[in-house]
Amino acid sequence: MSTGSAERSWCVVVPHHATGARLARHRLADELADVVPPALLADLVAVLAELVGNAVRHADPLPGGVVRVAWRLRPLAGGQSVQLRVTDGGSASGPSMRPSAPDSIDGRGLHIVAGLADRWGVERDGLGQSVWAEFDPVGSPRPDLVVAG
């Protein structure tokens, strides 16, 4: 695992289709496998899968039928923070956590994101919306959940 101190970022586009989530997960895992601890990488992959899956299921694509996926590593005391960001064409109703029964087959995605990430939120602009999730360095105290809207 690398302990480099430079900020690093990536941005890729994936199809606005179920295969887009798989492609995004594999690309993230390939890029960060030697950079972040395995437990954090597992959380990052799970959250990215939820965010891309939600974009495909609930939002319109960006022009070209794609979803933009980005991640950024920033050096901080105690390790590197990671931000994931998924940008899509938006939807009539923005992302929101909803109640789900134990036997429901869906409705848990943002609960998973909130449980694994230190912070998450939504930003909208003229092109669509971005849902982001941030992870503090391993071992950092977790602040309260912040959801921007």
N, C-alpha and C. Protein backbone atom coordinates (compact mmCIF):
# COMPACT_ATOMS: atom_id res chain seq x y z
N MET A 1 0.85 -1.17 0.00
CA MET A 1 0.00 0.00 0.00
C MET A 1 0.89 1.23 0.00
N SER A 2 0.57 2.15 -0.87
CA SER A 2 1.34 3.38 -1.01
C SER A 2 0.97 4.38 0.07
N THR A 3 1.94 5.19 0.46
CA THR A 3 1.67 6.26 1.43
C THR A 3 2.01 7.61 0.84
N GLY A 4 1.89 7.73 -0.49
CA GLY A 4 2.21 8.99 -1.15
C GLY A 4 1.38 10.14 -0.59
N SER A 5 1.95 11.35 -0.70
CA SER A 5 1.28 12.49 -0.08
C SER A 5 0.62 13.42 -1.10
N ALA A 6 0.66 13.11 -2.37
CA ALA A 6 0.07 13.99 -3.37
C ALA A 6 -1.41 13.70 -3.53
N GLU A 7 -2.17 14.76 -3.82
CA GLU A 7 -3.58 14.57 -4.13
C GLU A 7 -3.69 13.90 -5.50
N ARG A 8 -4.60 12.96 -5.60
CA ARG A 8 -4.80 12.23 -6.85
C ARG A 8 -6.29 12.17 -7.14
N SER A 9 -6.64 12.22 -8.43
CA SER A 9 -8.05 12.11 -8.77
C SER A 9 -8.20 11.42 -10.12
N TRP A 10 -9.37 10.84 -10.32
CA TRP A 10 -9.72 10.16 -11.55
C TRP A 10 -11.14 10.52 -11.91
N CYS A 11 -11.43 10.45 -13.19
CA CYS A 11 -12.80 10.65 -13.66
C CYS A 11 -12.99 9.74 -14.87
N VAL A 12 -14.04 8.94 -14.85
CA VAL A 12 -14.35 8.06 -15.97
C VAL A 12 -15.84 8.17 -16.26
N VAL A 13 -16.23 7.81 -17.45
CA VAL A 13 -17.65 7.71 -17.77
C VAL A 13 -17.96 6.24 -18.01
N VAL A 14 -19.14 5.85 -17.56
CA VAL A 14 -19.60 4.48 -17.73
C VAL A 14 -21.00 4.53 -18.32
N PRO A 15 -21.43 3.46 -18.96
CA PRO A 15 -22.78 3.46 -19.54
C PRO A 15 -23.86 3.62 -18.47
N HIS A 16 -24.92 4.30 -18.83
CA HIS A 16 -26.09 4.43 -17.97
C HIS A 16 -26.88 3.12 -18.11
N HIS A 17 -26.28 2.09 -17.55
CA HIS A 17 -26.80 0.73 -17.67
C HIS A 17 -26.20 -0.07 -16.51
N ALA A 18 -26.81 -1.20 -16.20
CA ALA A 18 -26.31 -2.01 -15.08
C ALA A 18 -24.83 -2.37 -15.24
N THR A 19 -24.36 -2.52 -16.46
CA THR A 19 -22.95 -2.83 -16.65
C THR A 19 -22.06 -1.67 -16.21
N GLY A 20 -22.61 -0.45 -16.17
CA GLY A 20 -21.83 0.71 -15.74
C GLY A 20 -21.37 0.57 -14.30
N ALA A 21 -22.21 0.04 -13.42
CA ALA A 21 -21.83 -0.16 -12.02
C ALA A 21 -20.68 -1.15 -11.92
N ARG A 22 -20.75 -2.23 -12.68
CA ARG A 22 -19.67 -3.23 -12.66
C ARG A 22 -18.36 -2.63 -13.16
N LEU A 23 -18.42 -1.90 -14.26
CA LEU A 23 -17.21 -1.27 -14.80
C LEU A 23 -16.61 -0.29 -13.80
N ALA A 24 -17.46 0.52 -13.16
CA ALA A 24 -16.98 1.50 -12.18
C ALA A 24 -16.33 0.81 -10.99
N ARG A 25 -16.95 -0.25 -10.47
CA ARG A 25 -16.38 -0.98 -9.33
C ARG A 25 -15.01 -1.54 -9.66
N HIS A 26 -14.90 -2.16 -10.82
CA HIS A 26 -13.61 -2.77 -11.20
C HIS A 26 -12.54 -1.71 -11.41
N ARG A 27 -12.89 -0.60 -12.02
CA ARG A 27 -11.90 0.46 -12.25
C ARG A 27 -11.41 1.05 -10.93
N LEU A 28 -12.36 1.31 -10.01
CA LEU A 28 -12.00 1.84 -8.70
C LEU A 28 -11.10 0.85 -7.96
N ALA A 29 -11.48 -0.41 -7.95
CA ALA A 29 -10.68 -1.42 -7.24
C ALA A 29 -9.27 -1.52 -7.84
N ASP A 30 -9.17 -1.49 -9.16
CA ASP A 30 -7.85 -1.55 -9.82
C ASP A 30 -6.99 -0.34 -9.46
N GLU A 31 -7.59 0.84 -9.46
CA GLU A 31 -6.84 2.08 -9.22
C GLU A 31 -6.39 2.22 -7.76
N LEU A 32 -7.21 1.76 -6.81
CA LEU A 32 -6.93 2.04 -5.40
C LEU A 32 -6.43 0.84 -4.60
N ALA A 33 -6.29 -0.32 -5.22
CA ALA A 33 -5.90 -1.53 -4.49
C ALA A 33 -4.59 -1.37 -3.74
N ASP A 34 -3.65 -0.67 -4.30
CA ASP A 34 -2.34 -0.49 -3.66
C ASP A 34 -2.22 0.83 -2.91
N VAL A 35 -3.35 1.56 -2.76
CA VAL A 35 -3.29 2.90 -2.19
C VAL A 35 -4.02 3.00 -0.86
N VAL A 36 -5.12 2.28 -0.69
CA VAL A 36 -5.91 2.35 0.54
C VAL A 36 -5.98 0.98 1.19
N PRO A 37 -6.23 0.92 2.49
CA PRO A 37 -6.35 -0.37 3.17
C PRO A 37 -7.49 -1.21 2.59
N PRO A 38 -7.36 -2.54 2.61
CA PRO A 38 -8.38 -3.41 2.02
C PRO A 38 -9.79 -3.19 2.58
N ALA A 39 -9.93 -2.95 3.87
CA ALA A 39 -11.27 -2.74 4.44
C ALA A 39 -11.90 -1.47 3.89
N LEU A 40 -11.10 -0.42 3.74
CA LEU A 40 -11.62 0.82 3.16
C LEU A 40 -11.97 0.61 1.70
N LEU A 41 -11.14 -0.11 0.97
CA LEU A 41 -11.42 -0.38 -0.44
C LEU A 41 -12.75 -1.12 -0.59
N ALA A 42 -13.02 -2.08 0.28
CA ALA A 42 -14.30 -2.80 0.22
C ALA A 42 -15.47 -1.85 0.43
N ASP A 43 -15.34 -0.92 1.38
CA ASP A 43 -16.40 0.07 1.61
C ASP A 43 -16.56 1.00 0.41
N LEU A 44 -15.46 1.43 -0.17
CA LEU A 44 -15.51 2.31 -1.34
C LEU A 44 -16.21 1.63 -2.52
N VAL A 45 -15.87 0.38 -2.75
CA VAL A 45 -16.48 -0.37 -3.85
C VAL A 45 -17.98 -0.54 -3.61
N ALA A 46 -18.37 -0.86 -2.37
CA ALA A 46 -19.80 -1.04 -2.06
C ALA A 46 -20.57 0.27 -2.26
N VAL A 47 -20.01 1.38 -1.78
CA VAL A 47 -20.70 2.66 -1.91
C VAL A 47 -20.78 3.08 -3.38
N LEU A 48 -19.70 2.92 -4.11
CA LEU A 48 -19.73 3.28 -5.53
C LEU A 48 -20.77 2.45 -6.28
N ALA A 49 -20.86 1.18 -5.97
CA ALA A 49 -21.86 0.32 -6.62
C ALA A 49 -23.27 0.84 -6.33
N GLU A 50 -23.52 1.25 -5.09
CA GLU A 50 -24.86 1.79 -4.75
C GLU A 50 -25.13 3.09 -5.49
N LEU A 51 -24.14 3.99 -5.53
CA LEU A 51 -24.35 5.28 -6.17
C LEU A 51 -24.58 5.15 -7.67
N VAL A 52 -23.78 4.33 -8.33
CA VAL A 52 -23.97 4.15 -9.77
C VAL A 52 -25.27 3.39 -10.03
N GLY A 53 -25.55 2.38 -9.22
CA GLY A 53 -26.81 1.65 -9.38
C GLY A 53 -28.02 2.56 -9.23
N ASN A 54 -27.98 3.45 -8.24
CA ASN A 54 -29.07 4.41 -8.06
C ASN A 54 -29.19 5.36 -9.25
N ALA A 55 -28.06 5.80 -9.78
CA ALA A 55 -28.08 6.70 -10.94
C ALA A 55 -28.73 6.01 -12.13
N VAL A 56 -28.40 4.76 -12.34
CA VAL A 56 -28.95 4.01 -13.47
C VAL A 56 -30.44 3.75 -13.26
N ARG A 57 -30.81 3.42 -12.06
CA ARG A 57 -32.20 3.03 -11.79
C ARG A 57 -33.14 4.23 -11.68
N HIS A 58 -32.66 5.33 -11.08
CA HIS A 58 -33.58 6.41 -10.73
C HIS A 58 -33.38 7.73 -11.47
N ALA A 59 -32.31 7.88 -12.23
CA ALA A 59 -32.01 9.18 -12.84
C ALA A 59 -31.83 9.05 -14.35
N ASP A 60 -31.91 10.18 -15.01
CA ASP A 60 -31.63 10.23 -16.44
C ASP A 60 -30.12 10.19 -16.65
N PRO A 61 -29.69 9.75 -17.83
CA PRO A 61 -28.25 9.78 -18.12
C PRO A 61 -27.79 11.19 -18.47
N LEU A 62 -26.50 11.37 -18.44
CA LEU A 62 -25.88 12.57 -19.01
C LEU A 62 -25.95 12.44 -20.54
N PRO A 63 -25.72 13.53 -21.27
CA PRO A 63 -25.68 13.42 -22.73
C PRO A 63 -24.71 12.31 -23.15
N GLY A 64 -25.12 11.52 -24.11
CA GLY A 64 -24.30 10.40 -24.55
C GLY A 64 -24.67 9.10 -23.87
N GLY A 65 -25.68 9.14 -22.99
CA GLY A 65 -26.13 7.92 -22.33
C GLY A 65 -25.16 7.39 -21.29
N VAL A 66 -24.49 8.31 -20.58
CA VAL A 66 -23.46 7.90 -19.62
C VAL A 66 -23.72 8.49 -18.23
N VAL A 67 -22.95 7.97 -17.29
CA VAL A 67 -22.87 8.47 -15.92
C VAL A 67 -21.39 8.77 -15.68
N ARG A 68 -21.09 9.90 -15.06
CA ARG A 68 -19.69 10.24 -14.76
C ARG A 68 -19.36 9.81 -13.34
N VAL A 69 -18.25 9.11 -13.20
CA VAL A 69 -17.80 8.60 -11.91
C VAL A 69 -16.42 9.19 -11.64
N ALA A 70 -16.27 9.77 -10.45
CA ALA A 70 -14.98 10.37 -10.10
C ALA A 70 -14.63 10.00 -8.67
N TRP A 71 -13.34 9.95 -8.40
CA TRP A 71 -12.87 9.79 -7.03
C TRP A 71 -11.62 10.60 -6.84
N ARG A 72 -11.44 11.04 -5.61
CA ARG A 72 -10.30 11.90 -5.29
C ARG A 72 -9.71 11.45 -3.97
N LEU A 73 -8.39 11.37 -3.94
CA LEU A 73 -7.63 11.08 -2.72
C LEU A 73 -6.94 12.35 -2.27
N ARG A 74 -7.08 12.68 -1.00
CA ARG A 74 -6.39 13.85 -0.44
C ARG A 74 -5.62 13.42 0.78
N PRO A 75 -4.34 13.79 0.85
CA PRO A 75 -3.56 13.45 2.04
C PRO A 75 -4.01 14.30 3.23
N LEU A 76 -4.21 13.66 4.35
CA LEU A 76 -4.56 14.32 5.61
C LEU A 76 -3.72 13.70 6.70
N ALA A 77 -3.67 14.34 7.83
CA ALA A 77 -2.99 13.74 8.97
C ALA A 77 -3.66 12.40 9.27
N GLY A 78 -2.88 11.37 9.38
CA GLY A 78 -3.43 10.06 9.70
C GLY A 78 -3.80 9.22 8.50
N GLY A 79 -3.58 9.71 7.29
CA GLY A 79 -3.89 8.91 6.11
C GLY A 79 -4.47 9.73 4.99
N GLN A 80 -5.19 9.08 4.11
CA GLN A 80 -5.78 9.75 2.96
C GLN A 80 -7.29 9.73 3.07
N SER A 81 -7.91 10.86 2.78
CA SER A 81 -9.37 10.88 2.67
C SER A 81 -9.72 10.55 1.23
N VAL A 82 -10.90 10.01 1.04
CA VAL A 82 -11.36 9.64 -0.30
C VAL A 82 -12.75 10.22 -0.50
N GLN A 83 -12.95 10.83 -1.67
CA GLN A 83 -14.29 11.28 -2.04
C GLN A 83 -14.68 10.56 -3.32
N LEU A 84 -15.88 10.00 -3.32
CA LEU A 84 -16.49 9.41 -4.51
C LEU A 84 -17.57 10.37 -4.98
N ARG A 85 -17.76 10.47 -6.29
CA ARG A 85 -18.79 11.36 -6.84
C ARG A 85 -19.36 10.71 -8.10
N VAL A 86 -20.69 10.62 -8.14
CA VAL A 86 -21.38 10.06 -9.30
C VAL A 86 -22.32 11.14 -9.82
N THR A 87 -22.15 11.49 -11.10
CA THR A 87 -22.95 12.55 -11.71
C THR A 87 -23.81 11.96 -12.81
N ASP A 88 -25.09 12.27 -12.74
CA ASP A 88 -26.05 11.79 -13.73
C ASP A 88 -26.88 12.97 -14.22
N GLY A 89 -27.86 12.69 -15.06
CA GLY A 89 -28.70 13.74 -15.63
C GLY A 89 -29.80 14.23 -14.71
N GLY A 90 -29.89 13.68 -13.51
CA GLY A 90 -30.89 14.11 -12.54
C GLY A 90 -32.23 13.42 -12.73
N SER A 91 -33.12 13.70 -11.81
CA SER A 91 -34.46 13.12 -11.85
C SER A 91 -35.44 14.13 -11.27
N ALA A 92 -36.72 13.86 -11.46
CA ALA A 92 -37.74 14.77 -10.95
C ALA A 92 -37.68 14.90 -9.43
N SER A 93 -37.41 13.81 -8.77
CA SER A 93 -37.24 13.85 -7.31
C SER A 93 -35.82 13.42 -7.00
N GLY A 94 -35.13 14.20 -6.20
CA GLY A 94 -33.74 13.91 -5.89
C GLY A 94 -33.59 12.70 -5.00
N PRO A 95 -32.37 12.25 -4.81
CA PRO A 95 -32.09 11.11 -3.95
C PRO A 95 -32.53 11.39 -2.51
N SER A 96 -33.14 10.41 -1.89
CA SER A 96 -33.51 10.54 -0.48
C SER A 96 -33.58 9.16 0.14
N MET A 97 -33.27 9.12 1.42
CA MET A 97 -33.37 7.87 2.15
C MET A 97 -34.85 7.60 2.40
N ARG A 98 -35.25 6.37 2.21
CA ARG A 98 -36.64 6.01 2.44
C ARG A 98 -36.70 4.78 3.34
N PRO A 99 -37.78 4.65 4.06
CA PRO A 99 -37.89 3.49 4.93
C PRO A 99 -38.05 2.21 4.09
N SER A 100 -37.50 1.13 4.58
CA SER A 100 -37.68 -0.15 3.90
C SER A 100 -37.88 -1.24 4.94
N ALA A 101 -38.77 -2.14 4.64
CA ALA A 101 -39.04 -3.27 5.53
C ALA A 101 -37.92 -4.30 5.38
N PRO A 102 -37.72 -5.14 6.39
CA PRO A 102 -36.66 -6.16 6.30
C PRO A 102 -36.79 -7.07 5.09
N ASP A 103 -38.01 -7.29 4.59
CA ASP A 103 -38.18 -8.18 3.45
C ASP A 103 -38.30 -7.42 2.11
N SER A 104 -38.09 -6.12 2.12
CA SER A 104 -38.12 -5.34 0.87
C SER A 104 -36.94 -5.72 0.00
N ILE A 105 -37.18 -5.69 -1.32
CA ILE A 105 -36.08 -6.04 -2.23
C ILE A 105 -35.26 -4.83 -2.65
N ASP A 106 -35.70 -3.63 -2.29
CA ASP A 106 -34.92 -2.43 -2.61
C ASP A 106 -35.16 -1.38 -1.54
N GLY A 107 -34.53 -0.21 -1.72
CA GLY A 107 -34.72 0.89 -0.79
C GLY A 107 -33.64 1.03 0.27
N ARG A 108 -32.58 0.25 0.16
CA ARG A 108 -31.52 0.30 1.17
C ARG A 108 -30.25 1.02 0.72
N GLY A 109 -30.18 1.41 -0.55
CA GLY A 109 -28.94 1.94 -1.11
C GLY A 109 -28.35 3.11 -0.35
N LEU A 110 -29.12 4.15 -0.11
CA LEU A 110 -28.57 5.32 0.58
C LEU A 110 -28.34 5.03 2.06
N HIS A 111 -29.05 4.06 2.63
CA HIS A 111 -28.75 3.65 4.01
C HIS A 111 -27.37 3.00 4.06
N ILE A 112 -27.04 2.22 3.06
CA ILE A 112 -25.71 1.62 2.98
C ILE A 112 -24.66 2.71 2.82
N VAL A 113 -24.93 3.66 1.93
CA VAL A 113 -23.99 4.78 1.73
C VAL A 113 -23.77 5.52 3.05
N ALA A 114 -24.87 5.87 3.74
CA ALA A 114 -24.77 6.61 5.00
C ALA A 114 -24.05 5.81 6.07
N GLY A 115 -24.23 4.49 6.06
CA GLY A 115 -23.58 3.66 7.07
C GLY A 115 -22.10 3.47 6.86
N LEU A 116 -21.65 3.51 5.62
CA LEU A 116 -20.24 3.26 5.33
C LEU A 116 -19.42 4.55 5.18
N ALA A 117 -20.02 5.60 4.62
CA ALA A 117 -19.30 6.85 4.39
C ALA A 117 -19.35 7.72 5.65
N ASP A 118 -18.40 8.61 5.78
CA ASP A 118 -18.40 9.56 6.90
C ASP A 118 -19.36 10.71 6.63
N ARG A 119 -19.53 11.07 5.36
CA ARG A 119 -20.46 12.12 4.95
C ARG A 119 -20.94 11.79 3.55
N TRP A 120 -22.14 12.25 3.21
CA TRP A 120 -22.60 12.14 1.83
C TRP A 120 -23.58 13.27 1.56
N GLY A 121 -23.79 13.56 0.31
CA GLY A 121 -24.72 14.63 -0.03
C GLY A 121 -25.01 14.67 -1.51
N VAL A 122 -25.80 15.66 -1.89
CA VAL A 122 -26.25 15.82 -3.27
C VAL A 122 -26.02 17.27 -3.68
N GLU A 123 -25.51 17.45 -4.88
CA GLU A 123 -25.35 18.79 -5.45
C GLU A 123 -26.01 18.78 -6.82
N ARG A 124 -26.71 19.85 -7.12
CA ARG A 124 -27.38 19.98 -8.42
C ARG A 124 -26.82 21.19 -9.16
N ASP A 125 -26.74 21.05 -10.48
CA ASP A 125 -26.36 22.18 -11.32
C ASP A 125 -27.20 22.11 -12.59
N GLY A 126 -26.88 22.90 -13.58
CA GLY A 126 -27.67 22.94 -14.79
C GLY A 126 -27.65 21.67 -15.62
N LEU A 127 -26.66 20.82 -15.41
CA LEU A 127 -26.55 19.59 -16.18
C LEU A 127 -27.22 18.40 -15.52
N GLY A 128 -27.36 18.42 -14.23
CA GLY A 128 -27.92 17.27 -13.53
C GLY A 128 -27.60 17.32 -12.06
N GLN A 129 -27.24 16.16 -11.52
CA GLN A 129 -26.95 16.10 -10.10
C GLN A 129 -25.75 15.18 -9.85
N SER A 130 -25.05 15.50 -8.78
CA SER A 130 -23.95 14.67 -8.32
C SER A 130 -24.27 14.21 -6.91
N VAL A 131 -24.09 12.93 -6.66
CA VAL A 131 -24.19 12.39 -5.31
C VAL A 131 -22.76 12.02 -4.92
N TRP A 132 -22.35 12.50 -3.76
CA TRP A 132 -20.97 12.28 -3.32
C TRP A 132 -20.96 11.62 -1.95
N ALA A 133 -19.85 10.95 -1.68
CA ALA A 133 -19.63 10.32 -0.38
C ALA A 133 -18.16 10.51 -0.03
N GLU A 134 -17.90 10.86 1.23
CA GLU A 134 -16.53 11.09 1.69
C GLU A 134 -16.18 10.11 2.80
N PHE A 135 -14.93 9.69 2.77
CA PHE A 135 -14.39 8.76 3.75
C PHE A 135 -13.16 9.39 4.37
N ASP A 136 -13.15 9.50 5.69
CA ASP A 136 -11.99 10.03 6.40
C ASP A 136 -10.93 8.95 6.49
N PRO A 137 -9.69 9.35 6.79
CA PRO A 137 -8.65 8.33 6.96
C PRO A 137 -9.05 7.31 8.02
N VAL A 138 -8.64 6.08 7.81
CA VAL A 138 -8.93 5.01 8.76
C VAL A 138 -8.41 5.42 10.14
N GLY A 139 -9.24 5.25 11.15
CA GLY A 139 -8.85 5.60 12.51
C GLY A 139 -9.22 7.01 12.91
N SER A 140 -9.67 7.84 11.95
CA SER A 140 -10.09 9.20 12.30
C SER A 140 -11.45 9.14 12.99
N PRO A 141 -11.70 10.03 13.94
CA PRO A 141 -13.02 10.05 14.54
C PRO A 141 -14.07 10.43 13.51
N ARG A 142 -15.21 9.75 13.54
CA ARG A 142 -16.27 10.01 12.56
C ARG A 142 -17.17 11.14 13.03
N PRO A 143 -17.25 12.23 12.24
CA PRO A 143 -18.19 13.31 12.61
C PRO A 143 -19.62 12.89 12.29
N ASP A 144 -20.56 13.69 12.74
CA ASP A 144 -21.95 13.41 12.43
C ASP A 144 -22.18 13.45 10.93
N LEU A 145 -23.16 12.71 10.48
CA LEU A 145 -23.52 12.67 9.07
C LEU A 145 -23.97 14.06 8.63
N VAL A 146 -23.45 14.48 7.48
CA VAL A 146 -23.84 15.77 6.91
C VAL A 146 -24.41 15.49 5.53
N VAL A 147 -25.63 15.91 5.29
CA VAL A 147 -26.26 15.75 3.98
C VAL A 147 -26.56 17.14 3.43
N ALA A 148 -25.90 17.47 2.34
CA ALA A 148 -26.12 18.78 1.72
C ALA A 148 -27.15 18.60 0.61
N GLY A 149 -27.97 19.58 0.42
CA GLY A 149 -28.97 19.42 -0.64
C GLY A 149 -29.27 20.65 -1.38
